[in-house]
Amino acid sequence: MSRPRLLPEPVGLKFVTQETPPDWDAEFGFSGPLELEIGSGAGGHALEYCRRHPEVRFVAFEWRKKYARDTQDRADKAGLRNLRVIESDARFIVPRIFAPDSLAAIHLQFPDPWWKRSHAKRAVIQPAFAELLYGKLSPGGLFDMRTDVQDRGVTMLAILESVGFKNPLGSGVFHPYDPEEVPSTRERRYLASGEPVYRARLLKPA
């Protein structure tokens, strides 16, 4: 997919300045499961997931403005009323706009691996943020993680399990591909080429 042009209108900025969770029922115009995606990239997963699951209210964070605005524009043109994209860093906004136990699922697909050791602290899944996400997820909720970098997957999996997420397959075990899952744009390329993807579907105990 070619890089989109930068559309002029920012998306989701009204949420960036909020200090308390918004009324999500009023925002979406309907009630239903509330789900979060951290780093939606080109938007392939978010758009297809929202198309398949119109009952879900989906909030996607993407700090790159081109991709964030393009994803929201495509959603609007497709008539998907269940997607809100926020062009910001999720680590700073998620703590304020989601109440404890309010998320039915959290999706994290192919986060930047930050190859340089000096940049490791920039990784999304750090113990403090993982613990915060655990608190935002409702009991029985799902944390869906995917990466193409095995050692980063091992590290993220260990951190998530350490803060309380349960791995149904056993500690440290990655999950096989499920054709019912919605792949991101990147994952579709990996599936087509046979490159490995490391997946985990973790649960918050009920």
N, C-alpha and C. Protein backbone atom coordinates (compact mmCIF):
# COMPACT_ATOMS: atom_id res chain seq x y z
N MET A 1 0.84 -1.19 0.00
CA MET A 1 0.00 0.00 0.00
C MET A 1 0.88 1.25 0.00
N SER A 2 0.63 2.20 -0.91
CA SER A 2 1.38 3.44 -0.95
C SER A 2 0.99 4.32 0.22
N ARG A 3 1.91 5.19 0.60
CA ARG A 3 1.62 6.07 1.72
C ARG A 3 0.55 7.07 1.33
N PRO A 4 -0.43 7.31 2.21
CA PRO A 4 -1.50 8.25 1.88
C PRO A 4 -0.99 9.69 1.95
N ARG A 5 -1.67 10.57 1.28
CA ARG A 5 -1.36 12.00 1.41
C ARG A 5 -1.88 12.50 2.75
N LEU A 6 -1.32 13.58 3.23
CA LEU A 6 -1.75 14.13 4.51
C LEU A 6 -3.02 14.95 4.32
N LEU A 7 -4.12 14.45 4.84
CA LEU A 7 -5.38 15.17 4.77
C LEU A 7 -5.35 16.34 5.75
N PRO A 8 -6.08 17.41 5.46
CA PRO A 8 -5.96 18.63 6.27
C PRO A 8 -6.60 18.57 7.64
N GLU A 9 -7.63 17.74 7.82
CA GLU A 9 -8.38 17.76 9.06
C GLU A 9 -7.83 16.76 10.08
N PRO A 10 -7.40 17.22 11.26
CA PRO A 10 -6.96 16.31 12.32
C PRO A 10 -8.12 15.42 12.76
N VAL A 11 -7.78 14.28 13.33
CA VAL A 11 -8.83 13.36 13.80
C VAL A 11 -8.62 13.04 15.28
N GLY A 12 -9.71 13.06 16.01
CA GLY A 12 -9.70 12.63 17.41
C GLY A 12 -9.10 13.59 18.40
N LEU A 13 -8.82 14.83 17.99
CA LEU A 13 -8.13 15.75 18.90
C LEU A 13 -8.99 16.14 20.10
N LYS A 14 -10.29 16.05 19.98
CA LYS A 14 -11.14 16.40 21.12
C LYS A 14 -10.92 15.46 22.29
N PHE A 15 -10.46 14.24 22.00
CA PHE A 15 -10.21 13.28 23.08
C PHE A 15 -8.87 13.54 23.77
N VAL A 16 -7.95 14.17 23.05
CA VAL A 16 -6.59 14.36 23.56
C VAL A 16 -6.58 15.26 24.78
N THR A 17 -7.48 16.23 24.83
CA THR A 17 -7.50 17.19 25.94
C THR A 17 -8.45 16.80 27.06
N GLN A 18 -9.18 15.70 26.89
CA GLN A 18 -10.12 15.30 27.93
C GLN A 18 -9.39 14.73 29.14
N GLU A 19 -9.88 15.09 30.31
CA GLU A 19 -9.29 14.61 31.55
C GLU A 19 -10.05 13.44 32.15
N THR A 20 -11.26 13.20 31.66
CA THR A 20 -12.10 12.10 32.15
C THR A 20 -12.69 11.36 30.96
N PRO A 21 -13.12 10.11 31.15
CA PRO A 21 -13.68 9.35 30.02
C PRO A 21 -14.91 10.03 29.44
N PRO A 22 -14.99 10.08 28.11
CA PRO A 22 -16.19 10.63 27.47
C PRO A 22 -17.37 9.68 27.62
N ASP A 23 -18.53 10.18 27.25
CA ASP A 23 -19.72 9.34 27.19
C ASP A 23 -19.66 8.60 25.86
N TRP A 24 -19.15 7.39 25.88
CA TRP A 24 -18.95 6.65 24.64
C TRP A 24 -20.26 6.30 23.96
N ASP A 25 -21.33 6.09 24.74
CA ASP A 25 -22.64 5.83 24.14
C ASP A 25 -23.07 7.02 23.29
N ALA A 26 -22.87 8.22 23.83
CA ALA A 26 -23.24 9.43 23.10
C ALA A 26 -22.32 9.65 21.90
N GLU A 27 -21.04 9.36 22.08
CA GLU A 27 -20.07 9.57 21.01
C GLU A 27 -20.39 8.70 19.80
N PHE A 28 -20.68 7.44 20.03
CA PHE A 28 -20.94 6.52 18.92
C PHE A 28 -22.41 6.48 18.52
N GLY A 29 -23.28 6.88 19.42
CA GLY A 29 -24.70 6.84 19.13
C GLY A 29 -25.34 5.50 19.40
N PHE A 30 -24.61 4.60 20.03
CA PHE A 30 -25.15 3.30 20.40
C PHE A 30 -24.27 2.69 21.48
N SER A 31 -24.81 1.73 22.19
CA SER A 31 -24.05 1.02 23.21
C SER A 31 -23.51 -0.28 22.63
N GLY A 32 -22.54 -0.85 23.30
CA GLY A 32 -21.94 -2.09 22.83
C GLY A 32 -20.54 -2.23 23.36
N PRO A 33 -19.86 -3.32 23.03
CA PRO A 33 -18.49 -3.52 23.51
C PRO A 33 -17.57 -2.39 23.03
N LEU A 34 -16.70 -1.94 23.93
CA LEU A 34 -15.74 -0.89 23.61
C LEU A 34 -14.35 -1.53 23.49
N GLU A 35 -13.70 -1.33 22.34
CA GLU A 35 -12.40 -1.95 22.10
C GLU A 35 -11.38 -0.89 21.69
N LEU A 36 -10.13 -1.20 21.97
CA LEU A 36 -9.02 -0.28 21.73
C LEU A 36 -7.97 -0.93 20.84
N GLU A 37 -7.46 -0.18 19.88
CA GLU A 37 -6.28 -0.62 19.13
C GLU A 37 -5.18 0.41 19.32
N ILE A 38 -4.00 -0.07 19.70
CA ILE A 38 -2.85 0.79 19.90
C ILE A 38 -1.93 0.65 18.69
N GLY A 39 -1.82 1.73 17.92
CA GLY A 39 -0.97 1.70 16.72
C GLY A 39 -1.68 1.03 15.56
N SER A 40 -2.65 1.72 14.97
CA SER A 40 -3.44 1.10 13.89
C SER A 40 -2.75 1.12 12.54
N GLY A 41 -1.62 1.81 12.43
CA GLY A 41 -0.86 1.79 11.18
C GLY A 41 -1.69 2.25 9.99
N ALA A 42 -1.63 1.48 8.92
CA ALA A 42 -2.36 1.83 7.70
C ALA A 42 -3.86 1.61 7.81
N GLY A 43 -4.30 1.03 8.91
CA GLY A 43 -5.73 0.92 9.17
C GLY A 43 -6.40 -0.33 8.66
N GLY A 44 -5.63 -1.25 8.06
CA GLY A 44 -6.25 -2.45 7.49
C GLY A 44 -7.02 -3.27 8.50
N HIS A 45 -6.43 -3.49 9.67
CA HIS A 45 -7.10 -4.28 10.70
C HIS A 45 -8.32 -3.54 11.23
N ALA A 46 -8.16 -2.27 11.58
CA ALA A 46 -9.26 -1.51 12.17
C ALA A 46 -10.47 -1.46 11.24
N LEU A 47 -10.24 -1.17 9.98
CA LEU A 47 -11.35 -1.04 9.02
C LEU A 47 -12.08 -2.36 8.80
N GLU A 48 -11.32 -3.43 8.61
CA GLU A 48 -11.96 -4.72 8.38
C GLU A 48 -12.65 -5.23 9.64
N TYR A 49 -12.02 -5.01 10.78
CA TYR A 49 -12.61 -5.46 12.04
C TYR A 49 -13.94 -4.74 12.28
N CYS A 50 -13.97 -3.44 12.03
CA CYS A 50 -15.20 -2.68 12.23
C CYS A 50 -16.28 -3.08 11.23
N ARG A 51 -15.85 -3.45 10.03
CA ARG A 51 -16.83 -3.91 9.03
C ARG A 51 -17.46 -5.23 9.47
N ARG A 52 -16.63 -6.13 10.00
CA ARG A 52 -17.14 -7.44 10.43
C ARG A 52 -17.92 -7.37 11.75
N HIS A 53 -17.60 -6.38 12.56
CA HIS A 53 -18.20 -6.30 13.89
C HIS A 53 -18.86 -4.94 14.11
N PRO A 54 -19.99 -4.70 13.46
CA PRO A 54 -20.65 -3.38 13.59
C PRO A 54 -21.17 -3.11 14.99
N GLU A 55 -21.28 -4.15 15.82
CA GLU A 55 -21.75 -3.97 17.19
C GLU A 55 -20.67 -3.43 18.12
N VAL A 56 -19.42 -3.46 17.67
CA VAL A 56 -18.29 -3.04 18.50
C VAL A 56 -18.00 -1.56 18.27
N ARG A 57 -17.71 -0.86 19.36
CA ARG A 57 -17.25 0.53 19.28
C ARG A 57 -15.73 0.49 19.39
N PHE A 58 -15.06 0.94 18.34
CA PHE A 58 -13.63 0.71 18.18
C PHE A 58 -12.88 2.04 18.19
N VAL A 59 -11.94 2.17 19.11
CA VAL A 59 -11.12 3.38 19.20
C VAL A 59 -9.68 3.00 18.84
N ALA A 60 -9.15 3.62 17.79
CA ALA A 60 -7.82 3.28 17.29
C ALA A 60 -6.88 4.47 17.44
N PHE A 61 -5.71 4.21 18.02
CA PHE A 61 -4.68 5.24 18.14
C PHE A 61 -3.61 5.02 17.08
N GLU A 62 -3.21 6.12 16.45
CA GLU A 62 -2.09 6.09 15.50
C GLU A 62 -1.44 7.47 15.53
N TRP A 63 -0.17 7.53 15.93
CA TRP A 63 0.48 8.83 16.08
C TRP A 63 0.89 9.46 14.75
N ARG A 64 1.02 8.64 13.68
CA ARG A 64 1.37 9.19 12.38
C ARG A 64 0.13 9.79 11.73
N LYS A 65 0.15 11.08 11.55
CA LYS A 65 -1.05 11.81 11.12
C LYS A 65 -1.59 11.33 9.78
N LYS A 66 -0.69 11.04 8.83
CA LYS A 66 -1.15 10.61 7.51
C LYS A 66 -2.01 9.37 7.62
N TYR A 67 -1.53 8.39 8.38
CA TYR A 67 -2.27 7.14 8.49
C TYR A 67 -3.54 7.31 9.31
N ALA A 68 -3.46 8.06 10.39
CA ALA A 68 -4.64 8.26 11.23
C ALA A 68 -5.77 8.92 10.45
N ARG A 69 -5.44 9.99 9.76
CA ARG A 69 -6.47 10.73 9.03
C ARG A 69 -7.01 9.93 7.85
N ASP A 70 -6.12 9.20 7.18
CA ASP A 70 -6.56 8.39 6.05
C ASP A 70 -7.49 7.27 6.51
N THR A 71 -7.17 6.65 7.65
CA THR A 71 -8.02 5.57 8.16
C THR A 71 -9.41 6.07 8.51
N GLN A 72 -9.48 7.22 9.20
CA GLN A 72 -10.79 7.77 9.55
C GLN A 72 -11.56 8.18 8.30
N ASP A 73 -10.87 8.74 7.33
CA ASP A 73 -11.52 9.15 6.08
C ASP A 73 -12.10 7.95 5.35
N ARG A 74 -11.34 6.87 5.29
CA ARG A 74 -11.83 5.65 4.63
C ARG A 74 -13.01 5.07 5.39
N ALA A 75 -12.97 5.13 6.70
CA ALA A 75 -14.09 4.62 7.50
C ALA A 75 -15.35 5.43 7.24
N ASP A 76 -15.19 6.75 7.21
CA ASP A 76 -16.35 7.62 6.97
C ASP A 76 -16.94 7.37 5.58
N LYS A 77 -16.09 7.22 4.59
CA LYS A 77 -16.57 6.98 3.23
C LYS A 77 -17.25 5.63 3.09
N ALA A 78 -16.81 4.66 3.93
CA ALA A 78 -17.41 3.33 3.89
C ALA A 78 -18.66 3.23 4.77
N GLY A 79 -18.99 4.31 5.46
CA GLY A 79 -20.18 4.31 6.32
C GLY A 79 -19.99 3.54 7.61
N LEU A 80 -18.74 3.40 8.06
CA LEU A 80 -18.47 2.70 9.32
C LEU A 80 -18.61 3.70 10.47
N ARG A 81 -19.70 3.61 11.18
CA ARG A 81 -19.94 4.57 12.26
C ARG A 81 -19.38 4.09 13.60
N ASN A 82 -18.71 2.95 13.59
CA ASN A 82 -18.23 2.37 14.84
C ASN A 82 -16.72 2.52 15.02
N LEU A 83 -16.07 3.42 14.25
CA LEU A 83 -14.62 3.61 14.38
C LEU A 83 -14.30 5.07 14.67
N ARG A 84 -13.46 5.29 15.69
CA ARG A 84 -12.91 6.61 15.98
C ARG A 84 -11.39 6.48 16.02
N VAL A 85 -10.72 7.26 15.21
CA VAL A 85 -9.26 7.25 15.17
C VAL A 85 -8.75 8.50 15.89
N ILE A 86 -7.72 8.32 16.69
CA ILE A 86 -7.12 9.42 17.44
C ILE A 86 -5.66 9.55 17.04
N GLU A 87 -5.28 10.70 16.52
CA GLU A 87 -3.89 10.89 16.08
C GLU A 87 -3.05 11.39 17.26
N SER A 88 -2.64 10.44 18.08
CA SER A 88 -1.86 10.78 19.26
C SER A 88 -1.18 9.53 19.79
N ASP A 89 -0.31 9.71 20.78
CA ASP A 89 0.38 8.60 21.43
C ASP A 89 -0.54 8.02 22.51
N ALA A 90 -0.91 6.78 22.34
CA ALA A 90 -1.87 6.14 23.25
C ALA A 90 -1.41 6.16 24.70
N ARG A 91 -0.12 6.11 24.92
CA ARG A 91 0.40 6.01 26.28
C ARG A 91 -0.01 7.20 27.15
N PHE A 92 -0.22 8.35 26.52
CA PHE A 92 -0.54 9.55 27.28
C PHE A 92 -2.05 9.82 27.37
N ILE A 93 -2.83 9.23 26.49
CA ILE A 93 -4.26 9.53 26.44
C ILE A 93 -5.11 8.41 27.03
N VAL A 94 -4.71 7.17 26.79
CA VAL A 94 -5.48 6.02 27.29
C VAL A 94 -5.75 6.10 28.80
N PRO A 95 -4.78 6.51 29.62
CA PRO A 95 -5.06 6.56 31.06
C PRO A 95 -6.24 7.45 31.44
N ARG A 96 -6.52 8.47 30.60
CA ARG A 96 -7.56 9.43 30.95
C ARG A 96 -8.92 9.13 30.36
N ILE A 97 -8.97 8.54 29.17
CA ILE A 97 -10.27 8.47 28.47
C ILE A 97 -10.96 7.11 28.58
N PHE A 98 -10.36 6.17 29.26
CA PHE A 98 -11.03 4.88 29.47
C PHE A 98 -11.13 4.59 30.96
N ALA A 99 -12.33 4.26 31.39
CA ALA A 99 -12.55 3.95 32.80
C ALA A 99 -12.02 2.55 33.11
N PRO A 100 -11.73 2.27 34.38
CA PRO A 100 -11.31 0.91 34.74
C PRO A 100 -12.36 -0.12 34.33
N ASP A 101 -11.89 -1.27 33.86
CA ASP A 101 -12.76 -2.40 33.49
C ASP A 101 -13.73 -2.07 32.35
N SER A 102 -13.40 -1.09 31.51
CA SER A 102 -14.36 -0.65 30.49
C SER A 102 -14.12 -1.24 29.10
N LEU A 103 -12.95 -1.82 28.86
CA LEU A 103 -12.62 -2.31 27.52
C LEU A 103 -12.87 -3.80 27.39
N ALA A 104 -13.55 -4.19 26.33
CA ALA A 104 -13.79 -5.60 26.07
C ALA A 104 -12.59 -6.27 25.42
N ALA A 105 -11.78 -5.49 24.71
CA ALA A 105 -10.59 -6.04 24.04
C ALA A 105 -9.59 -4.93 23.77
N ILE A 106 -8.32 -5.31 23.76
CA ILE A 106 -7.23 -4.42 23.39
C ILE A 106 -6.42 -5.11 22.29
N HIS A 107 -6.15 -4.40 21.21
CA HIS A 107 -5.42 -4.94 20.07
C HIS A 107 -4.09 -4.21 19.93
N LEU A 108 -3.02 -4.97 19.79
CA LEU A 108 -1.69 -4.42 19.56
C LEU A 108 -1.03 -5.23 18.47
N GLN A 109 -0.91 -4.62 17.30
CA GLN A 109 -0.39 -5.36 16.15
C GLN A 109 0.89 -4.73 15.61
N PHE A 110 1.96 -5.49 15.63
CA PHE A 110 3.23 -5.12 15.03
C PHE A 110 3.75 -3.76 15.52
N PRO A 111 3.89 -3.60 16.84
CA PRO A 111 4.46 -2.34 17.34
C PRO A 111 5.91 -2.20 16.92
N ASP A 112 6.38 -0.97 16.86
CA ASP A 112 7.76 -0.70 16.49
C ASP A 112 8.69 -1.44 17.44
N PRO A 113 9.63 -2.25 16.92
CA PRO A 113 10.51 -3.03 17.80
C PRO A 113 11.62 -2.21 18.46
N TRP A 114 11.86 -0.98 17.99
CA TRP A 114 12.90 -0.12 18.55
C TRP A 114 14.21 -0.91 18.70
N TRP A 115 14.88 -1.11 17.58
CA TRP A 115 16.04 -1.99 17.52
C TRP A 115 17.20 -1.52 18.38
N LYS A 116 17.44 -0.21 18.47
CA LYS A 116 18.57 0.26 19.26
C LYS A 116 18.31 0.08 20.75
N ARG A 117 19.32 -0.40 21.46
CA ARG A 117 19.16 -0.63 22.90
C ARG A 117 18.79 0.66 23.63
N SER A 118 19.32 1.77 23.18
CA SER A 118 19.03 3.05 23.83
C SER A 118 17.60 3.49 23.62
N HIS A 119 16.92 2.90 22.64
CA HIS A 119 15.54 3.25 22.34
C HIS A 119 14.54 2.27 22.96
N ALA A 120 15.01 1.26 23.65
CA ALA A 120 14.12 0.21 24.17
C ALA A 120 13.04 0.77 25.08
N LYS A 121 13.36 1.87 25.77
CA LYS A 121 12.39 2.45 26.70
C LYS A 121 11.18 3.04 25.98
N ARG A 122 11.28 3.19 24.65
CA ARG A 122 10.16 3.72 23.88
C ARG A 122 9.13 2.65 23.52
N ALA A 123 9.45 1.40 23.76
CA ALA A 123 8.52 0.31 23.42
C ALA A 123 7.20 0.51 24.16
N VAL A 124 6.11 0.18 23.49
CA VAL A 124 4.77 0.38 24.07
C VAL A 124 4.59 -0.46 25.32
N ILE A 125 4.94 -1.74 25.23
CA ILE A 125 4.70 -2.64 26.36
C ILE A 125 5.86 -2.57 27.34
N GLN A 126 5.67 -1.73 28.33
CA GLN A 126 6.54 -1.62 29.49
C GLN A 126 5.70 -2.04 30.69
N PRO A 127 6.32 -2.49 31.79
CA PRO A 127 5.54 -2.98 32.93
C PRO A 127 4.46 -2.01 33.41
N ALA A 128 4.77 -0.73 33.55
CA ALA A 128 3.79 0.22 34.09
C ALA A 128 2.59 0.38 33.16
N PHE A 129 2.85 0.48 31.84
CA PHE A 129 1.74 0.66 30.90
C PHE A 129 0.94 -0.64 30.76
N ALA A 130 1.63 -1.78 30.80
CA ALA A 130 0.93 -3.07 30.74
C ALA A 130 -0.01 -3.21 31.93
N GLU A 131 0.44 -2.79 33.10
CA GLU A 131 -0.41 -2.87 34.29
C GLU A 131 -1.60 -1.93 34.16
N LEU A 132 -1.38 -0.75 33.58
CA LEU A 132 -2.49 0.18 33.36
C LEU A 132 -3.51 -0.42 32.40
N LEU A 133 -3.03 -1.02 31.29
CA LEU A 133 -3.95 -1.64 30.33
C LEU A 133 -4.74 -2.77 30.98
N TYR A 134 -4.08 -3.53 31.84
CA TYR A 134 -4.76 -4.61 32.55
C TYR A 134 -5.94 -4.04 33.34
N GLY A 135 -5.73 -2.90 33.98
CA GLY A 135 -6.79 -2.29 34.76
C GLY A 135 -7.93 -1.75 33.92
N LYS A 136 -7.66 -1.36 32.68
CA LYS A 136 -8.71 -0.83 31.79
C LYS A 136 -9.55 -1.94 31.17
N LEU A 137 -8.99 -3.15 31.07
CA LEU A 137 -9.70 -4.26 30.44
C LEU A 137 -10.72 -4.84 31.41
N SER A 138 -11.87 -5.18 30.91
CA SER A 138 -12.91 -5.77 31.76
C SER A 138 -12.56 -7.22 32.08
N PRO A 139 -13.02 -7.75 33.22
CA PRO A 139 -12.79 -9.17 33.52
C PRO A 139 -13.32 -10.05 32.39
N GLY A 140 -12.50 -10.99 31.95
CA GLY A 140 -12.86 -11.83 30.81
C GLY A 140 -12.47 -11.22 29.48
N GLY A 141 -11.91 -9.99 29.50
CA GLY A 141 -11.55 -9.30 28.27
C GLY A 141 -10.29 -9.88 27.63
N LEU A 142 -10.08 -9.53 26.36
CA LEU A 142 -9.02 -10.10 25.53
C LEU A 142 -7.93 -9.07 25.24
N PHE A 143 -6.68 -9.51 25.33
CA PHE A 143 -5.54 -8.73 24.82
C PHE A 143 -4.98 -9.50 23.63
N ASP A 144 -5.11 -8.91 22.44
CA ASP A 144 -4.71 -9.54 21.19
C ASP A 144 -3.41 -8.89 20.71
N MET A 145 -2.31 -9.63 20.73
CA MET A 145 -1.00 -9.10 20.37
C MET A 145 -0.40 -9.87 19.21
N ARG A 146 0.23 -9.15 18.28
CA ARG A 146 0.91 -9.81 17.16
C ARG A 146 2.17 -9.03 16.80
N THR A 147 3.22 -9.76 16.48
CA THR A 147 4.48 -9.15 16.07
C THR A 147 5.22 -10.10 15.14
N ASP A 148 6.13 -9.55 14.33
CA ASP A 148 6.95 -10.38 13.45
C ASP A 148 8.35 -10.54 14.01
N VAL A 149 8.62 -9.99 15.20
CA VAL A 149 9.94 -10.05 15.82
C VAL A 149 9.86 -10.95 17.04
N GLN A 150 10.46 -12.13 16.94
CA GLN A 150 10.27 -13.14 17.97
C GLN A 150 10.73 -12.69 19.35
N ASP A 151 11.93 -12.12 19.46
CA ASP A 151 12.41 -11.78 20.79
C ASP A 151 11.59 -10.66 21.41
N ARG A 152 11.07 -9.73 20.59
CA ARG A 152 10.18 -8.70 21.12
C ARG A 152 8.87 -9.33 21.58
N GLY A 153 8.40 -10.31 20.83
CA GLY A 153 7.19 -11.02 21.24
C GLY A 153 7.37 -11.73 22.57
N VAL A 154 8.52 -12.38 22.73
CA VAL A 154 8.81 -13.07 24.00
C VAL A 154 8.82 -12.08 25.16
N THR A 155 9.46 -10.93 24.94
CA THR A 155 9.54 -9.92 26.00
C THR A 155 8.16 -9.37 26.34
N MET A 156 7.37 -9.02 25.32
CA MET A 156 6.04 -8.47 25.58
C MET A 156 5.16 -9.49 26.28
N LEU A 157 5.23 -10.72 25.83
CA LEU A 157 4.42 -11.78 26.43
C LEU A 157 4.76 -11.95 27.91
N ALA A 158 6.05 -11.92 28.23
CA ALA A 158 6.48 -12.08 29.62
C ALA A 158 5.99 -10.92 30.48
N ILE A 159 6.05 -9.70 29.95
CA ILE A 159 5.58 -8.54 30.71
C ILE A 159 4.08 -8.61 30.94
N LEU A 160 3.34 -8.93 29.90
CA LEU A 160 1.88 -8.99 30.02
C LEU A 160 1.45 -10.07 31.01
N GLU A 161 2.10 -11.23 30.94
CA GLU A 161 1.76 -12.30 31.89
C GLU A 161 2.14 -11.91 33.31
N SER A 162 3.21 -11.13 33.46
CA SER A 162 3.67 -10.76 34.80
C SER A 162 2.72 -9.82 35.51
N VAL A 163 1.92 -9.05 34.74
CA VAL A 163 0.98 -8.12 35.39
C VAL A 163 -0.39 -8.74 35.60
N GLY A 164 -0.57 -10.00 35.18
CA GLY A 164 -1.82 -10.69 35.49
C GLY A 164 -2.57 -11.29 34.32
N PHE A 165 -2.18 -10.96 33.08
CA PHE A 165 -2.87 -11.56 31.94
C PHE A 165 -2.63 -13.07 31.92
N LYS A 166 -3.69 -13.81 31.61
CA LYS A 166 -3.60 -15.27 31.57
C LYS A 166 -3.47 -15.75 30.14
N ASN A 167 -2.52 -16.63 29.93
CA ASN A 167 -2.31 -17.23 28.61
C ASN A 167 -2.98 -18.60 28.60
N PRO A 168 -4.07 -18.77 27.86
CA PRO A 168 -4.79 -20.05 27.87
C PRO A 168 -3.94 -21.24 27.42
N LEU A 169 -2.88 -20.99 26.64
CA LEU A 169 -2.04 -22.07 26.13
C LEU A 169 -0.86 -22.38 27.05
N GLY A 170 -0.70 -21.58 28.10
CA GLY A 170 0.43 -21.77 28.99
C GLY A 170 1.41 -20.62 28.91
N SER A 171 2.11 -20.37 29.98
CA SER A 171 3.03 -19.24 30.06
C SER A 171 4.08 -19.27 28.95
N GLY A 172 4.22 -18.16 28.25
CA GLY A 172 5.23 -18.02 27.23
C GLY A 172 4.92 -18.67 25.90
N VAL A 173 3.72 -19.21 25.73
CA VAL A 173 3.36 -19.93 24.50
C VAL A 173 2.65 -18.98 23.53
N PHE A 174 3.12 -18.94 22.29
CA PHE A 174 2.44 -18.16 21.26
C PHE A 174 1.28 -18.96 20.69
N HIS A 175 0.33 -18.25 20.11
CA HIS A 175 -0.88 -18.87 19.59
C HIS A 175 -0.79 -19.08 18.08
N PRO A 176 -1.34 -20.16 17.59
CA PRO A 176 -1.33 -20.38 16.13
C PRO A 176 -2.29 -19.43 15.44
N TYR A 177 -2.13 -19.29 14.14
CA TYR A 177 -3.02 -18.44 13.36
C TYR A 177 -4.43 -19.02 13.34
N ASP A 178 -5.39 -18.14 13.53
CA ASP A 178 -6.80 -18.51 13.48
C ASP A 178 -7.43 -17.79 12.29
N PRO A 179 -7.96 -18.52 11.31
CA PRO A 179 -8.52 -17.87 10.13
C PRO A 179 -9.70 -16.95 10.43
N GLU A 180 -10.26 -17.06 11.64
CA GLU A 180 -11.36 -16.17 12.02
C GLU A 180 -10.85 -14.80 12.45
N GLU A 181 -9.55 -14.68 12.71
CA GLU A 181 -8.99 -13.40 13.11
C GLU A 181 -8.96 -12.45 11.92
N VAL A 182 -8.92 -11.15 12.21
CA VAL A 182 -8.82 -10.15 11.16
C VAL A 182 -7.37 -9.71 11.06
N PRO A 183 -6.67 -10.02 9.97
CA PRO A 183 -5.26 -9.64 9.85
C PRO A 183 -5.11 -8.17 9.48
N SER A 184 -4.02 -7.58 9.91
CA SER A 184 -3.69 -6.22 9.49
C SER A 184 -3.12 -6.27 8.08
N THR A 185 -2.89 -5.08 7.52
CA THR A 185 -2.28 -5.01 6.19
C THR A 185 -0.94 -5.73 6.17
N ARG A 186 -0.14 -5.51 7.21
CA ARG A 186 1.18 -6.14 7.28
C ARG A 186 1.04 -7.65 7.45
N GLU A 187 0.12 -8.08 8.30
CA GLU A 187 -0.01 -9.52 8.53
C GLU A 187 -0.47 -10.23 7.26
N ARG A 188 -1.30 -9.60 6.46
CA ARG A 188 -1.71 -10.22 5.20
C ARG A 188 -0.50 -10.47 4.30
N ARG A 189 0.44 -9.53 4.30
CA ARG A 189 1.65 -9.72 3.49
C ARG A 189 2.46 -10.89 4.03
N TYR A 190 2.58 -10.99 5.36
CA TYR A 190 3.34 -12.09 5.94
C TYR A 190 2.67 -13.44 5.67
N LEU A 191 1.35 -13.47 5.76
CA LEU A 191 0.63 -14.71 5.49
C LEU A 191 0.84 -15.15 4.05
N ALA A 192 0.85 -14.19 3.13
CA ALA A 192 1.02 -14.51 1.71
C ALA A 192 2.43 -15.01 1.41
N SER A 193 3.43 -14.51 2.15
CA SER A 193 4.82 -14.88 1.89
C SER A 193 5.31 -16.03 2.76
N GLY A 194 4.50 -16.42 3.74
CA GLY A 194 4.90 -17.50 4.63
C GLY A 194 5.84 -17.08 5.74
N GLU A 195 6.03 -15.78 5.93
CA GLU A 195 6.89 -15.31 7.01
C GLU A 195 6.19 -15.50 8.35
N PRO A 196 6.96 -15.78 9.41
CA PRO A 196 6.33 -16.06 10.71
C PRO A 196 5.76 -14.82 11.38
N VAL A 197 4.65 -15.02 12.09
CA VAL A 197 4.05 -14.00 12.93
C VAL A 197 3.84 -14.63 14.30
N TYR A 198 4.18 -13.90 15.34
CA TYR A 198 4.07 -14.41 16.71
C TYR A 198 2.86 -13.74 17.36
N ARG A 199 1.89 -14.58 17.73
CA ARG A 199 0.60 -14.10 18.21
C ARG A 199 0.34 -14.56 19.63
N ALA A 200 -0.38 -13.71 20.37
CA ALA A 200 -0.82 -14.10 21.70
C ALA A 200 -2.22 -13.54 21.93
N ARG A 201 -3.08 -14.37 22.48
CA ARG A 201 -4.45 -13.96 22.82
C ARG A 201 -4.61 -14.23 24.32
N LEU A 202 -4.39 -13.17 25.08
CA LEU A 202 -4.37 -13.27 26.53
C LEU A 202 -5.68 -12.79 27.12
N LEU A 203 -6.00 -13.29 28.29
CA LEU A 203 -7.27 -12.96 28.93
C LEU A 203 -7.03 -12.35 30.31
N LYS A 204 -7.94 -11.47 30.68
CA LYS A 204 -7.97 -10.99 32.06
C LYS A 204 -8.94 -11.90 32.80
N PRO A 205 -8.50 -12.60 33.82
CA PRO A 205 -9.39 -13.54 34.50
C PRO A 205 -10.68 -12.87 34.97
N ALA A 206 -11.78 -13.58 34.79
CA ALA A 206 -13.09 -13.06 35.21
C ALA A 206 -13.20 -13.06 36.72
